Protein backbone atom coordinates (compact mmCIF):
# COMPACT_ATOMS: atom_id res chain seq x y z
CA UNK A 1 116.86 127.23 220.15
CA UNK A 2 113.64 127.49 218.12
CA UNK A 3 110.90 125.11 218.92
CA UNK A 4 109.49 123.16 216.14
CA UNK A 5 106.07 124.29 215.01
CA UNK A 6 103.40 121.90 214.02
CA UNK A 7 101.08 122.54 210.97
CA UNK A 8 97.48 122.82 211.83
CA UNK A 9 94.32 123.51 210.01
CA UNK A 10 91.17 125.42 210.99
CA UNK A 11 87.75 123.86 210.07
CA UNK A 12 85.25 126.77 209.62
CA UNK A 13 87.87 129.35 209.21
CA UNK A 14 85.69 132.12 207.86
CA UNK A 15 83.14 132.04 210.62
CA UNK A 16 83.56 134.05 213.88
CA UNK A 17 84.90 131.08 216.19
CA UNK A 18 87.31 130.38 213.19
CA UNK A 19 88.53 133.99 212.95
CA UNK A 20 89.04 133.99 216.67
CA UNK A 21 91.10 130.70 216.21
CA UNK A 22 93.29 132.20 213.38
CA UNK A 23 94.07 135.28 215.37
CA UNK A 24 94.97 133.09 218.75
CA UNK A 25 97.10 130.81 216.52
CA UNK A 26 99.02 133.64 214.66
CA UNK A 27 102.71 133.76 215.98
CA UNK A 28 101.69 130.65 218.26
CA UNK A 29 104.99 129.09 219.52
CA UNK A 30 103.74 125.54 218.76
CA UNK A 31 101.19 125.73 215.84
CA UNK A 32 101.43 127.18 212.34
CA UNK A 33 98.06 127.63 210.54
CA UNK A 34 98.88 125.81 207.10
CA UNK A 35 95.30 125.05 205.94
CA UNK A 36 91.82 126.74 206.03
CA UNK A 37 88.82 125.03 205.27
CA UNK A 38 85.43 126.27 205.01
CA UNK A 39 82.01 126.30 203.02
CA UNK A 40 81.67 126.35 199.26
CA UNK A 41 80.76 130.34 199.61
CA UNK A 42 84.39 130.75 200.72
CA UNK A 43 86.50 127.92 199.34
CA UNK A 44 88.91 129.12 196.48
CA UNK A 45 89.26 132.52 197.91
CA UNK A 46 92.27 134.25 199.63
CA UNK A 47 91.68 134.40 203.21
CA UNK A 48 92.71 138.10 203.30
CA UNK A 49 89.97 139.06 200.73
CA UNK A 50 87.16 137.60 202.75
CA UNK A 51 85.01 139.69 205.34
CA UNK A 52 87.17 139.85 208.65
CA UNK A 53 84.68 140.41 211.66
CA UNK A 54 87.37 141.26 214.43
CA UNK A 55 88.86 144.54 215.41
CA UNK A 56 92.26 143.65 214.97
CA UNK A 57 93.76 143.32 211.48
CA UNK A 58 93.87 139.63 209.58
CA UNK A 59 96.81 138.05 210.93
CA UNK A 60 99.80 138.42 208.18
CA UNK A 61 100.48 134.23 208.37
CA UNK A 62 96.81 133.43 207.19
CA UNK A 63 96.07 136.56 204.81
CA UNK A 64 97.48 134.64 201.81
CA UNK A 65 96.31 131.16 202.34
CA UNK A 66 93.60 130.05 199.91
CA UNK A 67 90.53 128.59 201.78
CA UNK A 68 89.69 125.07 200.76
CA UNK A 69 86.51 122.74 200.45
CA UNK A 70 86.41 120.78 203.84
CA UNK A 71 87.62 117.37 202.35
CA UNK A 72 89.08 114.96 204.85
CA UNK A 73 92.72 114.39 203.93
CA UNK A 74 93.77 117.54 202.66
CA UNK A 75 94.43 119.21 206.08
CA UNK A 76 97.19 118.63 208.25
CA UNK A 77 96.89 115.72 210.64
CA UNK A 78 95.79 118.26 213.30
CA UNK A 79 92.80 120.24 212.96
CA UNK A 80 91.00 122.77 215.04
CA UNK A 81 87.16 122.62 214.26
CA UNK A 82 84.95 125.90 214.53
CA UNK A 83 81.88 124.66 212.72
CA UNK A 84 78.46 124.52 213.90
CA UNK A 85 76.97 121.16 215.42
CA UNK A 86 74.95 120.16 212.32
CA UNK A 87 78.34 120.29 210.28
CA UNK A 88 80.49 118.88 213.10
CA UNK A 89 78.12 115.62 213.04
CA UNK A 90 78.85 115.19 209.48
CA UNK A 91 82.26 116.24 208.96
CA UNK A 92 84.36 115.82 211.96
CA UNK A 93 83.78 111.75 211.92
CA UNK A 94 84.86 111.97 208.46
CA UNK A 95 87.91 113.93 209.17
CA UNK A 96 88.69 111.61 211.92
CA UNK A 97 88.15 108.42 209.94
CA UNK A 98 90.63 109.90 207.40
CA UNK A 99 93.32 110.17 210.22
CA UNK A 100 92.73 113.67 211.31
CA UNK A 101 92.96 114.62 215.10
CA UNK A 102 90.32 116.96 215.62
CA UNK A 103 89.99 119.56 218.40
CA UNK A 104 86.23 120.68 218.49
CA UNK A 105 83.93 122.40 220.80
CA UNK A 106 80.79 121.02 219.06
CA UNK A 107 78.16 119.33 221.24
CA UNK A 108 77.56 116.20 218.84
CA UNK A 109 80.41 113.81 219.91
CA UNK A 110 80.85 115.17 223.58
CA UNK A 111 79.51 112.04 225.27
CA UNK A 112 80.81 109.61 222.65
CA UNK A 113 82.90 107.05 224.93
CA UNK A 114 85.37 107.09 221.98
CA UNK A 115 85.94 110.72 222.08
CA UNK A 116 88.55 111.93 224.58
CA UNK A 117 87.37 115.19 226.43
CA UNK A 118 90.44 117.54 226.27
CA UNK A 119 91.00 120.06 229.37
CA UNK A 120 93.84 122.22 227.92
CA UNK A 121 94.94 123.60 231.52
CA UNK A 122 95.24 120.11 232.93
CA UNK A 123 96.61 118.29 229.83
CA UNK A 124 98.95 120.57 228.04
CA UNK A 125 102.07 118.82 229.29
CA UNK A 126 100.94 115.48 228.18
CA UNK A 127 99.99 117.21 224.90
CA UNK A 128 103.49 118.32 224.19
CA UNK A 129 105.02 114.91 225.07
CA UNK A 130 102.72 113.09 222.63
CA UNK A 131 103.26 115.86 219.72
CA UNK A 132 107.25 115.79 219.93
């Protein structure tokens, strides 16, 4: 029986960390990359036409996605953020206020008491229960 996949977005998809996320989420059993967001230099362009910095090829699942401006409300509910700290300080609260769930490794909100710390190795089982 096939498991349901959840649509996810990647904020900062064209940077090095974002490209690693795209690669890691390709063919993932739980997630399907459905939205890619990046700065104005890349928005409006097909992801497969942008410079790819990794030695592996661009995943087929992402190749034809059009990169969008990082506008809250347009991405799926779950967004993996791969943006730098300055951009995260501005954009991540706006995405959260629009109802998105963000997973980020940026430092601006790490010690905020309203931002939960996610430790995947420990919390994987709880995450699956809440997403189903």
